Amino acid sequence: MSADEIRGEAHGTAPAPLSVLDLVTVGSGHTATDALRTSVGLARLTESRGFHRYWVAEHHSMPGVASSSPAVILAHLAAHTSRIRLGSGGVMLPNHAPLVIAEQFGTLQAMAPGRIDLGLGRAPGTDGATAAALRRAEGRGESADDFPQQLAELIRFLDDDFPDGHPYRRVHAVPGPVQGTSPGGVQSPHRPPVWLLGSSGFSARLAGVLGLPFAFAHHFSAQNTVPALDLYRESFRPSAVLDKPYALIGVSVLAADDEKEARRQVLATGLNMVRLRTGRPGLFPSPEEAEAHAFSPLEREFVDSWNANIIHGTADEVRSGLDALHKRTAADELMITSHAHEGALRLRSYELLAEEFGLPRD
């Protein structure tokens, strides 16, 4: 793994490399098949327009999110793209045995050599009951203190370097380094870069101490963004992976052809979050559903607060918002996540951004 695999190059007039975070949104009246087809189209569009990487997130038991199996989706996207980096944003490490993750991402790296990122989170990405159903072992990975040990085990599987005497010394993640070099002289693909994800200071500090790249979830923890990035940079120790900190932030963005339409779409995002936060997750609502909903004063306050962190409007308005956010955070990369009921609107949002920032067209 090299720093070049992590760092992107700024394209066009964007303040930093632009990337994509996809939750594979399923709108009301649509199916998971529709959502996955949209993801293929979006991956191909953003690859052709110079976006740097494309990540999918792990979520469970949410009808409006079809990304419960990142490795499966990434394999599908790898078959429909050729250059854009693909990765997890992220895989929730407490939900899985480290060996399983090492095998899955070793397989992905063999499918798309040099294009895979392994982003890891320490939250379950779901409620307690679903987390228990995933783990099938009460208490496994419940403590945040377990995450560094799980991470260390995963990295040892990826590198195939358990020390002599360790119970896993003869356990190998395949595909992986144990396969060595083929008779034709082709070396097995090296492991994908590991990223730590977070929405607070814990992963920020750990990523810094380990010298790993860090991804912060600004899109749902905006108030913690600057403190977490400061902590990451202050804690950073150069490593074999990075000689200096590299941080990206996830940003909710929706660009539309006119400001009014952007506001309509973002209102639906607000209703979706109201339902999620009150234990009533469902398919992503349409703008018409949102406009017909009788928001209570408390719901309206929540929606206004949530939507204030979504950069939305026309392309030039979104550009101004992203420029200001980059100036405030000095993020090395901006990872855009766009939510809308219709897949075509999501594709249009990224297309407008590409045009506004003058990203190269393939």
Protein backbone atom coordinates (compact mmCIF):
# COMPACT_ATOMS: atom_id res chain seq x y z
CA MET A 1 0.00 0.00 0.00
CA SER A 2 1.31 3.45 -0.87
CA ALA A 3 0.32 7.01 -0.06
CA ASP A 4 -0.43 7.50 -3.76
CA GLU A 5 -3.32 5.04 -3.44
CA ILE A 6 -4.84 7.25 -0.76
CA ARG A 7 -4.19 10.75 -2.00
CA GLY A 8 -6.19 12.08 -4.87
CA GLU A 9 -5.39 14.96 -7.16
CA ALA A 10 -7.70 17.96 -7.31
CA HIS A 11 -9.54 18.19 -10.61
CA GLY A 12 -10.96 21.23 -12.33
CA THR A 13 -11.66 24.11 -9.98
CA ALA A 14 -12.89 21.98 -7.06
CA PRO A 15 -11.22 22.96 -3.76
CA ALA A 16 -10.24 19.30 -3.19
CA PRO A 17 -10.74 15.95 -4.93
CA LEU A 18 -14.45 15.06 -5.07
CA SER A 19 -15.70 11.57 -4.29
CA VAL A 20 -19.02 9.76 -3.81
CA LEU A 21 -20.73 8.10 -0.84
CA ASP A 22 -23.70 5.96 -1.88
CA LEU A 23 -26.34 4.56 0.48
CA VAL A 24 -28.21 2.91 -2.44
CA THR A 25 -31.38 4.82 -1.60
CA VAL A 26 -34.70 3.06 -2.28
CA GLY A 27 -37.53 5.53 -2.89
CA SER A 28 -41.20 4.80 -2.25
CA GLY A 29 -42.72 3.10 -5.27
CA HIS A 30 -39.30 1.73 -6.27
CA THR A 31 -37.39 -1.47 -5.57
CA ALA A 32 -33.91 -2.43 -4.44
CA THR A 33 -33.27 -3.53 -8.02
CA ASP A 34 -34.05 0.01 -9.19
CA ALA A 35 -31.71 1.44 -6.56
CA LEU A 36 -28.84 -0.86 -7.49
CA ARG A 37 -29.25 -0.01 -11.17
CA THR A 38 -29.05 3.66 -10.21
CA SER A 39 -25.83 2.94 -8.31
CA VAL A 40 -24.28 1.35 -11.39
CA GLY A 41 -25.28 4.35 -13.47
CA LEU A 42 -23.94 6.73 -10.84
CA ALA A 43 -20.62 4.89 -10.56
CA ARG A 44 -20.17 4.99 -14.31
CA LEU A 45 -21.17 8.66 -14.51
CA THR A 46 -18.84 9.78 -11.73
CA GLU A 47 -15.97 7.70 -13.09
CA SER A 48 -16.39 9.36 -16.48
CA ARG A 49 -16.42 12.82 -14.87
CA GLY A 50 -13.27 12.57 -12.78
CA PHE A 51 -14.58 11.83 -9.29
CA HIS A 52 -11.83 10.17 -7.27
CA ARG A 53 -13.49 7.33 -5.35
CA TYR A 54 -16.90 5.71 -4.84
CA TRP A 55 -17.82 4.24 -1.46
CA VAL A 56 -20.89 2.40 -0.21
CA ALA A 57 -22.02 2.33 3.42
CA GLU A 58 -23.14 -0.59 5.57
CA HIS A 59 -26.61 -0.19 7.08
CA HIS A 60 -29.08 -2.81 8.26
CA SER A 61 -32.82 -3.18 8.77
CA MET A 62 -33.59 0.07 6.93
CA PRO A 63 -36.11 -0.33 4.07
CA GLY A 64 -34.91 2.84 2.35
CA VAL A 65 -31.25 1.77 2.24
CA ALA A 66 -30.18 -1.22 0.11
CA SER A 67 -26.50 -1.21 1.10
CA SER A 68 -26.48 -3.92 3.78
CA SER A 69 -23.74 -5.86 1.95
CA PRO A 70 -20.98 -3.47 0.81
CA ALA A 71 -18.64 -6.19 -0.47
CA VAL A 72 -21.35 -7.65 -2.73
CA ILE A 73 -22.25 -4.24 -4.13
CA LEU A 74 -18.60 -3.32 -4.68
CA ALA A 75 -18.03 -6.50 -6.66
CA HIS A 76 -20.99 -5.55 -8.86
CA LEU A 77 -19.69 -2.00 -9.33
CA ALA A 78 -16.19 -3.28 -10.10
CA ALA A 79 -17.64 -5.23 -13.02
CA HIS A 80 -19.17 -2.05 -14.46
CA THR A 81 -16.24 0.36 -13.97
CA SER A 82 -12.56 0.32 -14.80
CA ARG A 83 -10.72 3.18 -13.06
CA ILE A 84 -12.57 4.84 -10.17
CA ARG A 85 -11.52 3.69 -6.69
CA LEU A 86 -14.19 1.62 -4.93
CA GLY A 87 -14.55 1.10 -1.22
CA SER A 88 -16.57 0.83 1.96
CA GLY A 89 -17.69 3.87 3.81
CA GLY A 90 -17.71 1.79 5.76
CA VAL A 91 -17.78 -1.80 6.88
CA MET A 92 -18.81 -1.89 10.54
CA LEU A 93 -16.05 -3.97 12.11
CA PRO A 94 -18.00 -5.05 15.26
CA ASN A 95 -20.54 -6.83 13.04
CA HIS A 96 -18.03 -9.18 11.41
CA ALA A 97 -15.17 -11.50 12.16
CA PRO A 98 -11.94 -9.81 11.02
CA LEU A 99 -11.00 -12.86 8.92
CA VAL A 100 -14.25 -12.62 6.96
CA ILE A 101 -13.58 -8.95 6.11
CA ALA A 102 -10.00 -9.76 5.10
CA GLU A 103 -11.25 -12.50 2.77
CA GLN A 104 -13.97 -10.33 1.24
CA PHE A 105 -11.69 -7.39 0.54
CA GLY A 106 -8.85 -9.63 -0.58
CA THR A 107 -11.28 -11.01 -3.14
CA LEU A 108 -12.30 -7.51 -4.22
CA GLN A 109 -8.65 -6.51 -4.55
CA ALA A 110 -8.09 -9.55 -6.79
CA MET A 111 -11.10 -8.52 -8.90
CA ALA A 112 -10.06 -4.87 -9.21
CA PRO A 113 -6.34 -4.64 -8.34
CA GLY A 114 -5.26 -1.30 -6.94
CA ARG A 115 -8.79 0.15 -6.88
CA ILE A 116 -10.16 -1.00 -3.51
CA ASP A 117 -10.38 0.92 -0.21
CA LEU A 118 -11.35 -0.66 3.11
CA GLY A 119 -13.08 1.91 5.29
CA LEU A 120 -13.93 0.70 8.80
CA GLY A 121 -16.35 1.95 11.42
CA ARG A 122 -16.77 0.95 15.05
CA ALA A 123 -20.54 1.50 15.33
CA PRO A 124 -22.99 -1.29 14.42
CA GLY A 125 -24.77 0.84 11.81
CA THR A 126 -28.14 -0.25 13.18
CA ASP A 127 -30.18 -0.76 16.36
CA GLY A 128 -29.22 -3.08 19.21
CA ALA A 129 -31.56 -5.92 18.27
CA THR A 130 -30.33 -6.00 14.68
CA ALA A 131 -26.72 -5.84 15.86
CA ALA A 132 -27.34 -8.86 18.08
CA ALA A 133 -28.91 -10.74 15.17
CA LEU A 134 -25.86 -9.98 13.02
CA ARG A 135 -23.31 -11.05 15.59
CA ARG A 136 -25.09 -14.10 17.02
CA ALA A 137 -22.99 -13.72 20.15
CA GLU A 138 -24.15 -11.55 23.02
CA GLY A 139 -21.75 -8.77 23.90
CA ARG A 140 -19.34 -9.36 21.02
CA GLY A 141 -17.69 -6.10 20.08
CA GLU A 142 -19.97 -4.07 22.36
CA SER A 143 -17.16 -2.08 23.99
CA ALA A 144 -15.37 0.67 22.08
CA ASP A 145 -12.21 -0.63 23.77
CA ASP A 146 -12.48 -3.77 21.63
CA PHE A 147 -12.19 -1.88 18.34
CA PRO A 148 -8.38 -1.35 18.37
CA GLN A 149 -7.83 -5.06 19.03
CA GLN A 150 -10.25 -6.06 16.27
CA LEU A 151 -8.53 -3.63 13.92
CA ALA A 152 -5.08 -4.99 14.75
CA GLU A 153 -6.29 -8.54 14.09
CA LEU A 154 -7.81 -7.54 10.75
CA ILE A 155 -4.62 -5.81 9.61
CA ARG A 156 -2.57 -8.88 10.56
CA PHE A 157 -4.88 -11.04 8.44
CA LEU A 158 -4.55 -8.58 5.54
CA ASP A 159 -0.76 -8.59 5.84
CA ASP A 160 -0.52 -12.30 6.75
CA ASP A 161 1.96 -11.54 9.52
CA PHE A 162 0.79 -13.11 12.78
CA PRO A 163 3.90 -13.85 14.86
CA ASP A 164 5.18 -17.33 15.62
CA GLY A 165 3.24 -18.90 18.45
CA HIS A 166 0.05 -16.97 17.74
CA PRO A 167 -3.01 -19.25 17.44
CA TYR A 168 -3.76 -17.72 14.02
CA ARG A 169 -0.22 -18.07 12.68
CA ARG A 170 -1.30 -20.74 10.19
CA VAL A 171 -4.63 -19.11 9.32
CA HIS A 172 -4.48 -17.20 6.04
CA ALA A 173 -6.90 -14.77 4.40
CA VAL A 174 -7.23 -15.88 0.79
CA PRO A 175 -6.90 -14.20 -1.65
CA GLY A 176 -3.92 -12.61 0.07
CA PRO A 177 -0.15 -12.46 0.53
CA VAL A 178 0.17 -16.18 1.36
CA GLN A 179 -0.32 -16.90 -2.35
CA GLY A 180 2.98 -15.20 -3.12
CA THR A 181 4.08 -15.02 -6.74
CA SER A 182 2.68 -17.15 -9.53
CA PRO A 183 4.94 -19.20 -11.86
CA GLY A 184 4.43 -16.46 -14.43
CA GLY A 185 5.92 -13.92 -12.04
CA VAL A 186 2.65 -12.17 -11.19
CA GLN A 187 2.54 -11.20 -7.54
CA SER A 188 -0.69 -11.53 -5.57
CA PRO A 189 -2.46 -8.18 -5.19
CA HIS A 190 -1.32 -6.27 -2.13
CA ARG A 191 -3.92 -5.41 0.44
CA PRO A 192 -6.27 -2.46 0.07
CA PRO A 193 -5.62 0.74 2.04
CA VAL A 194 -7.35 0.79 5.43
CA TRP A 195 -9.27 3.91 6.46
CA LEU A 196 -10.84 4.67 9.82
CA LEU A 197 -14.27 6.29 9.82
CA GLY A 198 -15.86 8.23 12.62
CA SER A 199 -18.25 10.88 13.86
CA SER A 200 -16.46 11.70 17.13
CA GLY A 201 -12.97 11.89 18.55
CA PHE A 202 -12.31 8.20 19.22
CA SER A 203 -11.54 7.08 15.65
CA ALA A 204 -9.95 10.45 14.88
CA ARG A 205 -7.33 9.93 17.59
CA LEU A 206 -6.82 6.25 16.73
CA ALA A 207 -6.36 7.02 13.02
CA GLY A 208 -3.82 9.69 13.92
CA VAL A 209 -1.83 7.47 16.28
CA LEU A 210 -1.73 4.66 13.70
CA GLY A 211 -0.89 7.00 10.81
CA LEU A 212 -3.96 5.98 8.81
CA PRO A 213 -6.23 8.10 6.61
CA PHE A 214 -9.40 9.32 8.32
CA ALA A 215 -12.93 9.89 7.06
CA PHE A 216 -15.29 12.01 9.15
CA ALA A 217 -19.09 11.90 8.87
CA HIS A 218 -19.76 15.62 8.63
CA HIS A 219 -23.14 14.85 7.04
CA PHE A 220 -24.58 13.67 10.35
CA SER A 221 -22.24 15.12 12.96
CA ALA A 222 -21.42 18.58 11.64
CA GLN A 223 -20.82 20.11 15.06
CA ASN A 224 -17.96 17.68 15.69
CA THR A 225 -16.18 18.05 12.35
CA VAL A 226 -13.56 20.67 13.14
CA PRO A 227 -12.72 19.32 16.64
CA ALA A 228 -12.34 15.78 15.25
CA LEU A 229 -10.12 16.89 12.37
CA ASP A 230 -8.01 18.95 14.77
CA LEU A 231 -7.64 15.93 17.04
CA TYR A 232 -6.67 13.70 14.11
CA ARG A 233 -4.02 16.12 12.90
CA GLU A 234 -2.63 16.71 16.39
CA SER A 235 -2.46 12.96 17.09
CA PHE A 236 -0.96 12.01 13.73
CA ARG A 237 2.24 10.00 13.66
CA PRO A 238 3.91 9.29 10.30
CA SER A 239 3.66 5.65 9.26
CA ALA A 240 4.52 3.36 6.37
CA VAL A 241 1.15 4.39 4.94
CA LEU A 242 1.23 8.17 5.26
CA ASP A 243 3.89 10.75 5.97
CA LYS A 244 1.28 13.40 6.83
CA PRO A 245 -2.42 13.43 7.74
CA TYR A 246 -5.06 12.82 5.09
CA ALA A 247 -8.69 13.47 6.00
CA LEU A 248 -11.84 13.42 3.94
CA ILE A 249 -15.27 14.50 5.10
CA GLY A 250 -18.66 13.17 4.03
CA VAL A 251 -20.97 16.00 2.97
CA SER A 252 -24.70 15.94 2.16
CA VAL A 253 -25.22 17.79 -1.10
CA LEU A 254 -28.07 18.17 -3.54
CA ALA A 255 -27.71 20.30 -6.66
CA ALA A 256 -30.73 20.91 -8.88
CA ASP A 257 -31.53 23.00 -11.92
CA ASP A 258 -33.43 25.49 -9.76
CA GLU A 259 -33.38 26.38 -6.08
CA LYS A 260 -37.06 25.64 -5.48
CA GLU A 261 -36.72 22.07 -6.70
CA ALA A 262 -33.67 21.54 -4.48
CA ARG A 263 -35.69 22.70 -1.45
CA ARG A 264 -38.53 20.30 -2.34
CA GLN A 265 -36.15 17.37 -2.52
CA VAL A 266 -34.40 18.27 0.71
CA LEU A 267 -37.74 18.45 2.55
CA ALA A 268 -38.20 14.76 1.69
CA THR A 269 -34.80 14.07 3.25
CA GLY A 270 -36.03 15.78 6.40
CA LEU A 271 -39.15 13.62 6.56
CA ASN A 272 -37.04 10.52 6.02
CA MET A 273 -34.86 11.45 9.00
CA VAL A 274 -37.88 12.20 11.19
CA ARG A 275 -39.19 8.71 10.53
CA LEU A 276 -35.78 7.16 11.16
CA ARG A 277 -35.19 9.02 14.42
CA THR A 278 -38.65 8.11 15.74
CA GLY A 279 -38.22 4.39 15.06
CA ARG A 280 -40.35 4.32 11.91
CA PRO A 281 -37.86 3.79 9.06
CA GLY A 282 -39.37 3.26 5.64
CA LEU A 283 -38.74 3.78 1.96
CA PHE A 284 -37.36 7.20 1.08
CA PRO A 285 -40.40 9.51 0.70
CA SER A 286 -41.24 11.57 -2.36
CA PRO A 287 -41.38 15.38 -2.22
CA GLU A 288 -45.15 15.11 -2.56
CA GLU A 289 -45.30 12.92 0.56
CA ALA A 290 -43.16 15.44 2.43
CA GLU A 291 -45.29 18.39 1.32
CA ALA A 292 -48.45 16.59 2.46
CA HIS A 293 -47.00 15.66 5.86
CA ALA A 294 -48.24 17.68 8.85
CA PHE A 295 -44.97 18.33 10.66
CA SER A 296 -45.35 18.97 14.38
CA PRO A 297 -43.46 21.96 15.81
CA LEU A 298 -40.86 19.60 17.23
CA GLU A 299 -40.50 17.78 13.90
CA ARG A 300 -40.21 21.07 12.04
CA GLU A 301 -37.45 22.20 14.38
CA PHE A 302 -35.58 18.94 13.82
CA VAL A 303 -35.99 19.12 10.03
CA ASP A 304 -34.77 22.72 9.90
CA SER A 305 -31.73 21.81 11.99
CA TRP A 306 -30.94 18.71 9.94
CA ASN A 307 -31.41 20.33 6.56
CA ALA A 308 -29.22 23.29 7.54
CA ASN A 309 -26.25 20.93 7.12
CA ILE A 310 -27.28 19.86 3.61
CA ILE A 311 -25.60 22.03 1.00
CA HIS A 312 -28.35 22.41 -1.58
CA GLY A 313 -29.55 24.71 -4.33
CA THR A 314 -28.36 25.47 -7.82
CA ALA A 315 -24.90 24.35 -8.87
CA ASP A 316 -23.33 27.74 -8.16
CA GLU A 317 -24.97 27.87 -4.71
CA VAL A 318 -23.65 24.40 -3.92
CA ARG A 319 -20.21 25.43 -5.14
CA SER A 320 -20.20 28.38 -2.73
CA GLY A 321 -21.23 26.10 0.13
CA LEU A 322 -18.53 23.53 -0.61
CA ASP A 323 -15.87 26.20 -1.00
CA ALA A 324 -16.81 27.68 2.37
CA LEU A 325 -16.85 24.26 4.05
CA HIS A 326 -13.44 23.41 2.65
CA LYS A 327 -12.05 26.73 3.82
CA ARG A 328 -13.37 26.03 7.33
CA THR A 329 -12.15 22.42 7.58
CA ALA A 330 -9.16 22.20 5.19
CA ALA A 331 -10.32 18.69 4.32
CA ASP A 332 -8.07 16.86 1.86
CA GLU A 333 -11.07 15.39 0.05
CA LEU A 334 -14.82 16.01 -0.11
CA MET A 335 -17.03 12.92 -0.32
CA ILE A 336 -20.46 13.86 -1.63
CA THR A 337 -23.59 11.98 -0.63
CA SER A 338 -26.84 12.97 -2.34
CA HIS A 339 -30.27 11.72 -1.33
CA ALA A 340 -33.37 12.02 -3.48
CA HIS A 341 -36.48 9.99 -4.13
CA GLU A 342 -35.72 9.57 -7.84
CA GLY A 343 -32.43 8.08 -9.00
CA ALA A 344 -32.34 10.41 -11.98
CA LEU A 345 -32.25 13.42 -9.65
CA ARG A 346 -29.25 12.01 -7.83
CA LEU A 347 -27.40 11.49 -11.10
CA ARG A 348 -28.32 15.00 -12.19
CA SER A 349 -26.92 16.44 -8.94
CA TYR A 350 -23.48 14.89 -9.55
CA GLU A 351 -23.59 15.90 -13.21
CA LEU A 352 -24.27 19.52 -12.25
CA LEU A 353 -21.38 19.46 -9.77
CA ALA A 354 -19.04 18.07 -12.41
CA GLU A 355 -20.00 20.84 -14.80
CA GLU A 356 -19.79 23.58 -12.15
CA PHE A 357 -16.28 22.53 -11.07
CA GLY A 358 -15.09 21.81 -14.60
CA LEU A 359 -14.24 18.18 -13.92
CA PRO A 360 -12.78 16.42 -16.96
CA ARG A 361 -15.12 14.53 -19.23
CA ASP A 362 -14.04 11.09 -20.43
